[in-house]
Protein backbone atom coordinates (compact mmCIF):
# COMPACT_ATOMS: atom_id res chain seq x y z
CA MET A 1 308.36 -58.57 83.29
CA PRO A 2 306.17 -56.16 85.53
CA GLN A 3 304.63 -53.36 83.49
CA TRP A 4 307.06 -50.93 84.64
CA ILE A 5 306.52 -48.42 82.20
CA GLU A 6 302.88 -48.07 82.89
CA LEU A 7 303.68 -47.97 86.44
CA PHE A 8 305.64 -44.93 85.93
CA GLU A 9 302.71 -43.39 84.12
CA LEU A 10 300.70 -43.92 87.05
CA PHE A 11 303.24 -42.17 89.25
CA GLU A 12 303.29 -39.06 86.63
CA GLU A 13 299.70 -39.08 86.94
CA THR A 14 299.05 -39.57 90.66
CA ARG A 15 302.52 -38.37 92.02
CA GLU A 16 302.30 -41.28 94.46
CA PRO A 17 305.74 -42.54 95.62
CA ARG A 18 304.62 -46.32 95.47
CA PHE A 19 304.01 -46.41 91.75
CA LEU A 20 307.63 -44.76 91.15
CA ALA A 21 309.01 -47.25 93.49
CA ALA A 22 307.34 -49.88 91.68
CA ALA A 23 308.35 -48.69 88.20
CA ARG A 24 312.10 -48.53 89.28
CA GLU A 25 311.60 -52.15 90.55
CA GLY A 26 310.42 -53.13 87.20
CA ALA A 27 312.99 -51.71 85.19
CA ARG A 28 315.71 -53.40 87.32
CA ALA A 29 313.95 -56.56 86.92
CA TYR A 30 313.93 -55.67 83.06
CA ALA A 31 317.66 -55.13 83.23
CA GLN A 32 318.13 -58.62 83.47
CA TYR A 33 317.34 -58.87 79.52
CA VAL A 34 319.93 -55.98 78.72
CA TRP A 35 323.23 -57.17 77.55
CA LEU A 36 325.78 -56.12 80.44
CA ALA A 37 328.15 -58.92 79.95
CA PRO A 38 331.01 -59.96 78.72
CA ARG A 39 332.62 -56.86 79.80
CA ILE A 40 333.81 -54.64 76.78
CA PRO A 41 337.84 -54.93 76.52
CA ASP A 42 339.94 -51.88 76.53
CA GLY A 43 341.59 -50.94 73.34
CA ASP A 44 340.89 -50.91 69.62
CA VAL A 45 339.22 -53.37 67.21
CA ARG A 46 339.52 -53.70 63.11
CA VAL A 47 336.46 -54.01 61.06
CA HIS A 48 335.91 -54.37 57.54
CA GLU A 49 339.24 -55.57 56.80
CA ASP A 50 337.81 -56.87 53.39
CA GLY A 51 336.12 -53.46 52.55
CA LEU A 52 332.91 -54.80 52.92
CA ALA A 53 330.12 -54.85 56.07
CA PRO A 54 329.55 -58.14 57.41
CA ALA A 55 326.87 -60.14 56.06
CA TYR A 56 323.38 -60.93 57.99
CA ARG A 57 321.90 -62.38 54.59
CA SER A 58 323.83 -63.87 51.67
CA GLY A 59 323.17 -64.40 47.97
CA PRO A 60 322.78 -62.55 44.78
CA ARG A 61 319.36 -60.56 45.97
CA PHE A 62 321.62 -58.93 48.92
CA PRO A 63 324.48 -57.18 47.66
CA ARG A 64 327.02 -56.22 50.39
CA ILE A 65 327.45 -52.92 51.67
CA LYS A 66 330.74 -51.23 50.84
CA ALA A 67 332.52 -50.05 54.12
CA ALA A 68 336.01 -48.88 54.37
CA ALA A 69 338.46 -50.73 56.92
CA GLU A 70 338.83 -48.74 59.85
CA THR A 71 340.34 -48.99 63.47
CA VAL A 72 337.87 -47.93 66.26
CA PRO A 73 337.32 -48.36 69.95
CA ALA A 74 335.95 -51.64 70.81
CA TRP A 75 333.05 -49.86 72.87
CA ARG A 76 331.56 -48.70 69.39
CA THR A 77 330.99 -52.09 68.18
CA SER A 78 329.12 -53.46 71.39
CA GLU A 79 325.92 -54.52 71.98
CA MET A 80 326.23 -53.64 75.91
CA GLY A 81 323.22 -51.83 76.97
CA LEU A 82 320.80 -53.06 74.38
CA THR A 83 318.53 -56.14 74.44
CA SER A 84 317.57 -59.04 71.94
CA GLU A 85 314.33 -58.84 70.32
CA SER A 86 313.17 -61.85 72.03
CA ALA A 87 313.88 -65.26 73.42
CA PRO A 88 313.38 -67.04 69.95
CA THR A 89 315.02 -64.52 67.83
CA SER A 90 317.90 -63.91 70.17
CA LYS A 91 320.39 -65.64 68.19
CA GLY A 92 319.65 -63.87 64.75
CA ALA A 93 319.08 -60.34 66.48
CA ARG A 94 321.61 -59.88 68.94
CA GLY A 95 320.94 -56.03 69.81
CA ILE A 96 318.03 -54.17 68.72
CA PHE A 97 318.66 -50.12 68.22
CA LEU A 98 314.86 -49.65 68.63
CA ALA A 99 315.65 -49.83 72.32
CA CYS A 100 312.25 -47.79 73.38
CA TYR A 101 312.79 -48.51 77.07
CA ALA A 102 315.98 -45.94 77.41
CA PRO A 103 314.11 -42.87 77.96
CA TRP A 104 311.81 -44.32 80.53
CA MET A 105 314.86 -45.91 82.31
CA LEU A 106 316.51 -42.31 82.19
CA ARG A 107 313.69 -40.67 83.53
CA ILE A 108 313.18 -43.06 86.62
CA ALA A 109 316.87 -42.82 87.13
CA THR A 110 316.61 -39.27 87.22
CA LEU A 111 314.24 -39.22 90.10
CA THR A 112 315.23 -42.06 91.96
CA ASP A 113 319.01 -41.20 91.63
CA ASP A 114 319.73 -44.75 90.04
CA SER A 115 322.92 -44.78 88.17
CA PHE A 116 322.62 -48.27 87.13
CA LEU A 117 319.32 -47.35 84.90
CA HIS A 118 320.95 -44.10 83.72
CA ASP A 119 323.98 -46.09 82.25
CA ILE A 120 321.72 -48.70 80.71
CA ALA A 121 319.76 -45.91 79.16
CA ARG A 122 322.76 -44.07 78.15
CA SER A 123 324.58 -47.12 76.28
CA ALA A 124 321.28 -47.99 74.59
CA ILE A 125 321.42 -44.61 72.35
CA ILE A 126 324.63 -42.50 72.74
CA GLY A 127 327.18 -43.33 70.07
CA ARG A 128 325.06 -45.60 68.16
CA TYR A 129 324.18 -43.94 64.91
CA THR A 130 323.97 -40.83 63.13
CA SER A 131 320.77 -41.58 60.96
CA PHE A 132 318.47 -44.43 60.80
CA PRO A 133 320.64 -47.58 61.47
CA GLY A 134 318.11 -50.27 60.64
CA TYR A 135 316.52 -52.67 63.40
CA HIS A 136 319.09 -54.58 65.06
CA LEU A 137 323.17 -55.37 65.15
CA ASN A 138 323.48 -59.05 64.55
CA THR A 139 326.79 -59.82 62.46
CA ALA A 140 330.27 -59.67 63.14
CA ARG A 141 331.52 -56.38 64.38
CA ASN A 142 331.13 -53.33 62.25
CA THR A 143 330.56 -49.60 62.04
CA ALA A 144 328.58 -49.36 58.90
CA TYR A 145 325.39 -48.62 60.63
CA GLU A 146 326.95 -45.59 62.24
CA LYS A 147 327.39 -43.61 59.03
CA PRO A 148 325.13 -40.76 57.87
CA ASP A 149 324.48 -42.20 54.54
CA PHE A 150 323.62 -45.78 56.14
CA ALA A 151 319.91 -45.66 55.38
CA ARG A 152 320.55 -44.04 51.72
CA ARG A 153 320.80 -47.36 50.00
CA GLY A 154 318.13 -49.77 48.34
CA LYS A 155 316.08 -52.17 50.62
CA ASP A 156 318.04 -55.34 49.53
CA GLU A 157 321.39 -53.96 50.19
CA LEU A 158 320.36 -52.61 53.49
CA ASN A 159 319.00 -56.07 54.31
CA SER A 160 322.15 -57.69 53.81
CA ALA A 161 323.63 -56.01 56.74
CA THR A 162 320.29 -55.52 58.99
CA SER A 163 316.59 -56.01 58.45
CA ILE A 164 314.59 -52.85 57.41
CA HIS A 165 311.03 -52.54 58.46
CA TYR A 166 309.61 -49.25 57.04
CA ASN A 167 307.19 -49.25 59.83
CA HIS A 168 309.97 -48.70 62.45
CA ILE A 169 311.22 -45.35 61.21
CA TRP A 170 308.61 -43.43 62.86
CA PRO A 171 308.99 -45.17 66.17
CA HIS A 172 312.73 -44.49 65.89
CA ILE A 173 312.06 -40.97 65.20
CA ALA A 174 309.91 -40.91 68.49
CA LEU A 175 312.55 -42.66 70.40
CA VAL A 176 315.37 -40.55 69.45
CA LEU A 177 313.11 -37.17 70.20
CA ASP A 178 312.13 -38.72 73.55
CA TYR A 179 315.73 -39.47 74.51
CA LEU A 180 316.55 -35.89 73.61
CA VAL A 181 313.87 -34.36 75.75
CA THR A 182 314.20 -36.74 78.55
CA ASP A 183 318.32 -36.35 78.61
CA ALA A 184 317.46 -32.51 79.08
CA PHE A 185 315.46 -33.21 81.91
CA ALA A 186 317.90 -35.51 83.39
CA LYS A 187 320.93 -33.22 83.41
CA SER A 188 319.05 -30.45 84.76
CA LYS A 189 317.57 -32.35 87.30
CA GLY A 190 313.99 -31.54 86.20
CA ALA A 191 314.38 -27.75 85.68
CA VAL A 192 313.95 -28.44 81.73
CA ASP A 193 310.56 -30.12 81.60
CA PHE A 194 308.38 -30.69 78.82
CA PRO A 195 304.87 -32.72 79.61
CA GLY A 196 304.62 -35.89 77.12
CA ARG A 197 301.68 -38.30 76.11
CA TYR A 198 301.92 -41.85 76.57
CA ALA A 199 301.76 -43.71 72.91
CA GLU A 200 301.80 -47.35 72.22
CA GLY A 201 302.52 -48.88 69.18
CA TYR A 202 302.46 -52.42 69.17
CA GLY A 203 304.90 -55.03 70.67
CA TYR A 204 307.17 -53.18 72.98
CA LEU A 205 306.90 -50.00 71.04
CA GLN A 206 306.10 -47.30 74.02
CA GLN A 207 307.16 -43.79 73.94
CA LYS A 208 306.35 -40.44 74.98
CA ILE A 209 305.24 -37.66 72.44
CA TYR A 210 305.54 -33.97 72.73
CA GLY A 211 304.56 -30.80 71.53
CA ASP A 212 300.60 -30.37 72.48
CA ARG A 213 301.48 -28.71 75.87
CA PRO A 214 303.84 -26.22 77.35
CA GLY A 215 307.00 -26.81 79.32
CA ARG A 216 309.86 -24.75 81.26
CA VAL A 217 313.35 -24.03 80.76
CA TYR A 218 314.50 -22.93 84.20
CA TRP A 219 313.06 -19.76 85.37
CA THR A 220 310.86 -19.61 81.92
CA ASP A 221 307.33 -21.16 81.64
CA GLY A 222 304.70 -21.37 78.83
CA LEU A 223 307.35 -22.89 76.27
CA TYR A 224 306.47 -24.94 73.33
CA LEU A 225 309.08 -27.27 71.92
CA TRP A 226 309.77 -26.46 68.33
CA MET A 227 312.16 -28.63 66.20
CA PRO A 228 312.21 -27.66 62.56
CA ARG A 229 315.16 -28.88 60.88
CA GLY A 230 317.74 -26.45 60.66
CA VAL A 231 316.56 -23.81 62.94
CA VAL A 232 319.89 -23.83 65.01
CA GLN A 233 323.21 -24.36 63.55
CA LEU A 234 326.34 -25.70 65.73
CA ASP A 235 329.99 -26.09 64.74
CA GLN A 236 330.48 -28.77 67.15
CA PRO A 237 328.61 -32.07 66.22
CA GLU A 238 329.11 -33.66 69.74
CA LEU A 239 326.43 -31.34 71.11
CA ASN A 240 322.58 -32.28 71.01
CA TYR A 241 319.84 -29.63 71.64
CA ILE A 242 316.15 -28.87 71.72
CA VAL A 243 314.44 -25.72 70.90
CA ALA A 244 311.40 -24.05 72.55
CA ARG A 245 309.39 -21.14 71.54
CA GLY A 246 307.61 -18.74 73.84
CA GLU A 247 306.01 -15.09 73.66
CA ASP A 248 308.78 -13.12 71.88
CA LEU A 249 311.50 -15.57 73.05
CA VAL A 250 313.31 -18.77 71.68
CA ALA A 251 315.12 -21.11 74.02
CA VAL A 252 317.70 -23.49 73.20
CA VAL A 253 319.05 -26.26 75.62
CA LEU A 254 322.36 -27.86 74.85
CA THR A 255 323.53 -31.22 76.33
CA ASN A 256 326.99 -32.80 75.72
CA GLN A 257 327.32 -36.41 75.66
CA SER A 258 331.45 -36.23 75.18
CA LYS A 259 333.58 -36.68 78.66
CA GLN A 260 335.30 -33.30 77.79
CA SER A 261 333.89 -29.78 77.90
CA VAL A 262 332.73 -28.23 74.28
CA ARG A 263 332.69 -24.70 73.35
CA ALA A 264 330.70 -24.20 70.23
CA LYS A 265 329.57 -21.19 68.30
CA MET A 266 325.58 -21.51 67.67
CA SER A 267 323.73 -19.41 65.07
CA PHE A 268 320.05 -19.62 64.04
CA ASP A 269 318.22 -19.73 60.37
CA SER A 270 317.19 -16.12 59.80
CA LYS A 271 313.89 -17.65 58.10
CA ARG A 272 312.86 -19.49 61.23
CA VAL A 273 313.98 -16.82 63.84
CA ALA A 274 313.42 -13.04 63.77
CA TRP A 275 315.16 -10.58 66.01
CA ARG A 276 313.16 -7.56 67.93
CA ALA A 277 313.46 -4.50 65.73
CA GLY A 278 314.07 -1.19 67.20
CA ALA A 279 317.00 0.16 69.83
CA GLU A 280 316.59 -2.39 72.37
CA ARG A 281 318.94 -5.42 71.45
CA PRO A 282 317.64 -8.96 72.29
CA SER A 283 319.02 -10.28 75.40
CA VAL A 284 320.35 -13.80 76.22
CA GLU A 285 320.18 -15.52 79.47
CA ILE A 286 322.92 -18.26 80.03
CA TRP A 287 322.64 -21.14 82.04
CA GLU A 288 325.55 -23.75 82.44
CA ASN A 289 325.59 -26.85 84.44
CA ASN A 290 321.95 -25.48 86.05
CA GLN A 291 323.50 -22.00 87.18
CA HIS A 292 322.31 -18.89 85.80
CA THR A 293 325.84 -17.21 84.65
CA GLY A 294 324.27 -13.90 83.31
CA THR A 295 322.27 -12.02 80.96
CA LEU A 296 323.86 -10.72 77.93
CA PRO A 297 322.58 -8.59 74.85
CA LEU A 298 323.02 -10.70 71.60
CA ALA A 299 325.49 -10.05 69.35
CA ALA A 300 324.82 -7.86 66.14
CA ASP A 301 325.30 -10.91 63.95
CA GLY A 302 323.00 -13.14 66.18
CA ARG A 303 325.68 -15.89 67.21
CA ILE A 304 326.31 -17.05 70.49
CA ASP A 305 329.16 -18.56 71.94
CA VAL A 306 328.34 -21.46 74.23
CA ALA A 307 330.23 -23.76 76.56
CA VAL A 308 328.78 -27.00 77.78
CA GLY A 309 330.61 -28.86 80.48
CA ALA A 310 331.61 -32.73 80.24
CA GLU A 311 328.51 -34.53 80.02
CA GLY A 312 326.70 -31.34 80.66
CA ILE A 313 323.93 -28.99 80.39
CA SER A 314 323.97 -25.24 79.18
CA ALA A 315 320.98 -23.22 77.97
CA CYS A 316 320.03 -19.54 76.20
CA VAL A 317 316.93 -18.12 76.40
CA ILE A 318 316.77 -15.17 73.97
CA ARG A 319 314.30 -12.66 74.72
CA GLY A 320 313.31 -10.36 71.86
CA ALA A 321 313.41 -13.25 69.36
CA THR A 322 310.27 -14.22 67.27
CA ALA A 323 309.84 -17.77 66.05
CA GLN A 324 308.53 -18.00 62.66
CA VAL A 325 306.10 -20.67 63.26
CA GLU A 326 303.99 -22.18 60.42
CA PHE A 327 301.15 -24.56 60.57
CA GLN A 328 301.63 -24.49 64.59
CA GLY A 329 300.31 -21.04 64.69
CA GLU A 330 296.93 -22.59 63.38
CA LEU A 331 296.29 -25.36 65.66
CA ARG A 332 293.38 -25.33 67.85
CA ARG A 333 293.99 -26.45 71.21
CA ASP A 334 290.44 -25.66 72.41
CA ALA A 335 288.71 -27.36 69.67
CA PRO A 336 286.06 -29.63 70.63
CA PRO A 337 286.44 -33.35 70.42
CA LEU A 338 285.48 -35.22 67.47
CA PRO A 339 282.35 -37.28 67.64
CA SER A 340 282.22 -41.18 68.00
CA GLY A 341 281.11 -41.28 64.29
CA SER A 342 284.77 -39.68 63.16
CA VAL A 343 285.98 -43.11 62.91
CA CYS A 344 284.10 -45.27 59.96
CA GLU A 345 284.68 -49.04 59.70
CA LEU A 346 282.94 -50.76 56.65
CA GLY A 347 283.16 -54.32 57.71
CA TRP A 348 284.63 -54.74 53.94
CA ARG A 349 288.36 -55.75 53.38
CA GLY A 350 289.21 -53.84 56.46
CA ALA A 351 288.24 -50.49 54.91
CA ARG A 352 288.46 -47.69 57.22
CA ALA A 353 288.06 -43.76 57.42
CA VAL A 354 289.44 -41.57 60.22
CA ALA A 355 288.78 -37.77 60.56
CA MET A 356 291.65 -35.87 61.61
CA SER A 357 291.17 -32.20 62.93
CA PHE A 358 294.18 -30.21 64.01
CA GLY A 359 292.72 -26.83 62.88
CA PRO A 360 290.66 -25.00 60.24
CA GLY A 361 291.46 -25.23 56.39
CA ASP A 362 293.72 -27.93 55.31
CA LEU A 363 294.40 -28.97 58.87
CA THR A 364 291.30 -30.95 58.87
CA SER A 365 290.70 -33.95 56.67
CA ALA A 366 289.69 -37.69 56.40
CA TYR A 367 292.08 -40.51 56.10
CA VAL A 368 290.76 -43.51 54.30
CA TYR A 369 292.52 -46.87 53.62
CA ALA A 370 292.11 -50.34 52.83
CA PRO A 371 294.83 -52.60 54.68
CA ASP A 372 295.15 -55.24 51.61
CA LEU A 373 296.83 -57.56 53.72
CA GLU A 374 296.75 -60.32 51.24
CA ARG A 375 298.41 -58.16 48.53
CA GLU A 376 294.88 -59.14 46.33
CA MET A 377 294.49 -55.35 45.13
CA THR A 378 296.12 -53.90 42.10
CA ARG A 379 293.88 -50.87 41.90
CA CYS A 380 291.66 -48.81 44.55
CA THR A 381 289.44 -45.99 43.69
CA LEU A 382 287.80 -43.76 46.63
CA ARG A 383 284.68 -42.17 45.77
CA TRP A 384 283.76 -39.38 48.02
CA ARG A 385 281.35 -36.12 48.68
CA GLN A 386 280.70 -33.95 51.44
CA GLY A 387 277.26 -32.16 51.98
CA GLY A 388 275.68 -33.80 48.73
CA GLY A 389 276.34 -33.26 44.98
CA GLU A 390 278.39 -35.37 42.60
CA PHE A 391 281.02 -37.83 44.16
CA ARG A 392 284.73 -37.18 43.35
CA ALA A 393 287.13 -39.67 42.69
CA ALA A 394 291.15 -40.43 43.58
CA THR A 395 292.76 -43.55 42.46
CA ASP A 396 295.67 -45.55 43.92
CA VAL A 397 297.37 -48.51 42.05
CA SER A 398 299.89 -49.67 44.31
CA PHE A 399 300.23 -50.79 48.04
CA PRO A 400 299.65 -49.06 50.48
CA PHE A 401 296.23 -48.03 49.49
CA ASP A 402 295.34 -44.76 51.17
CA PHE A 403 294.12 -41.50 50.63
CA THR A 404 293.79 -37.99 52.46
CA VAL A 405 290.45 -36.21 51.68
CA PRO A 406 290.24 -32.47 52.15
CA VAL A 407 287.23 -31.10 53.68
CA THR A 408 285.08 -27.79 53.83
CA GLY A 409 283.16 -27.06 56.90
CA ASP A 410 281.85 -29.86 59.16
CA GLY A 411 279.57 -31.71 57.16
CA ASP A 412 279.67 -35.49 56.82
CA VAL A 413 281.88 -37.08 54.28
CA GLU A 414 280.11 -39.75 52.36
CA TRP A 415 282.62 -42.29 50.80
CA PHE A 416 283.03 -46.10 49.33
CA LEU A 417 285.71 -47.96 47.32
CA GLU A 418 286.06 -49.83 44.42
CA VAL A 419 288.82 -52.24 43.85
CA GLU A 420 290.34 -54.43 40.87
CA LEU A 421 292.03 -57.70 42.07
CA ARG A 422 294.62 -59.60 40.62
CA ASP A 423 292.33 -62.22 39.27
CA GLY A 424 290.52 -59.71 37.35
CA ARG A 425 287.57 -59.60 39.50
CA LYS A 426 286.03 -56.07 40.52
CA GLU A 427 284.22 -55.26 43.91
CA LYS A 428 282.67 -52.35 45.18
CA SER A 429 282.38 -51.63 49.22
CA PRO A 430 279.40 -50.37 51.14
CA THR A 431 278.99 -46.62 51.56
CA GLY A 432 280.41 -45.30 54.99
CA ARG A 433 279.96 -41.77 56.35
CA VAL A 434 282.78 -39.90 58.45
CA LYS A 435 281.10 -37.48 60.99
CA LEU A 436 282.99 -34.14 61.71
CA ARG A 437 280.60 -32.92 64.37
């Protein structure tokens, strides 16, 4: 397929319409890989009739997942809108939950008014799961992966119904956050917009990641996404939300995935959001389906009644509210880039050290690891020092063999590894140096 995601990135950098047109054409070509047929039948299906989720792998090593029998709408068990992993694995991996293409399609659809791409993107994400669902949908029809406790099982039990790859969890988090932010962009017709950075993993893992630059919510600019767990509580789970913070304000953007309008009560974690002290009450600007519907004083208990139209969007901008940030307040956005020597390759068993600097104190560290792809190591000891003196030591006795080294100031970090192998041999690496300036 054309590299349509990269073409869209070119459009965002240059704003040249030809790149957006090319990205749309490429996305429509990619849609040939998406399950679009046979049509999902109307009505319901019965799943888990034997009290167990269908098996992808069998045998004593893979205990079946217990799942209560239930009758659900047929669309909930469908792979429509998802892709197979690839041609060779399409029989075994029918639908991949890690649908990284969805936010890109949704953004292109918004800018080109393409309902076809919009519907594919939505079908790939909405209504699929309530926690990490595993990698793929590949058994008889079932709903076990939808449940909030699906991922709270051992590896072998999960592998009876799907495939669990621990390296997929972070990309899946990025996918869901990207979709949340992009959905707000789409439903607001671009009036809610946060800039992202292109991040490529491996294979088809391509996502925008957010947070390093400010965006806007309707009239209000200079807002940073701020998504600590539990900062907002809603009594209606149908509503998705993103939260942003600014100078003396907090903004919440709510999107409704239901085909019915939803009313909800919204409250805030008092440890995360503080109200302005004094006689002047905080005010709440209300937006419903992209129309400013008024400004009201915040209720004494801090609760806000919100209404979000069918498949619509609403927003609340609370002025006089202060976000209680943690490490974000210490980030240095104007810090000079690290030098080329901030990455140190030893040329020995793949050992590598990388300096990471997000700000002063413990926001700067060196990350050291040995890949051990052949699983030969049983023990790994890191020895390091900064600015001379005695070497300090830390030991890891299980895979993955990695270390986070605190640093003080900007002096070089000198380091080497000592390992013990399964056959009893011991090895010592060359010495490397990580530069912080």
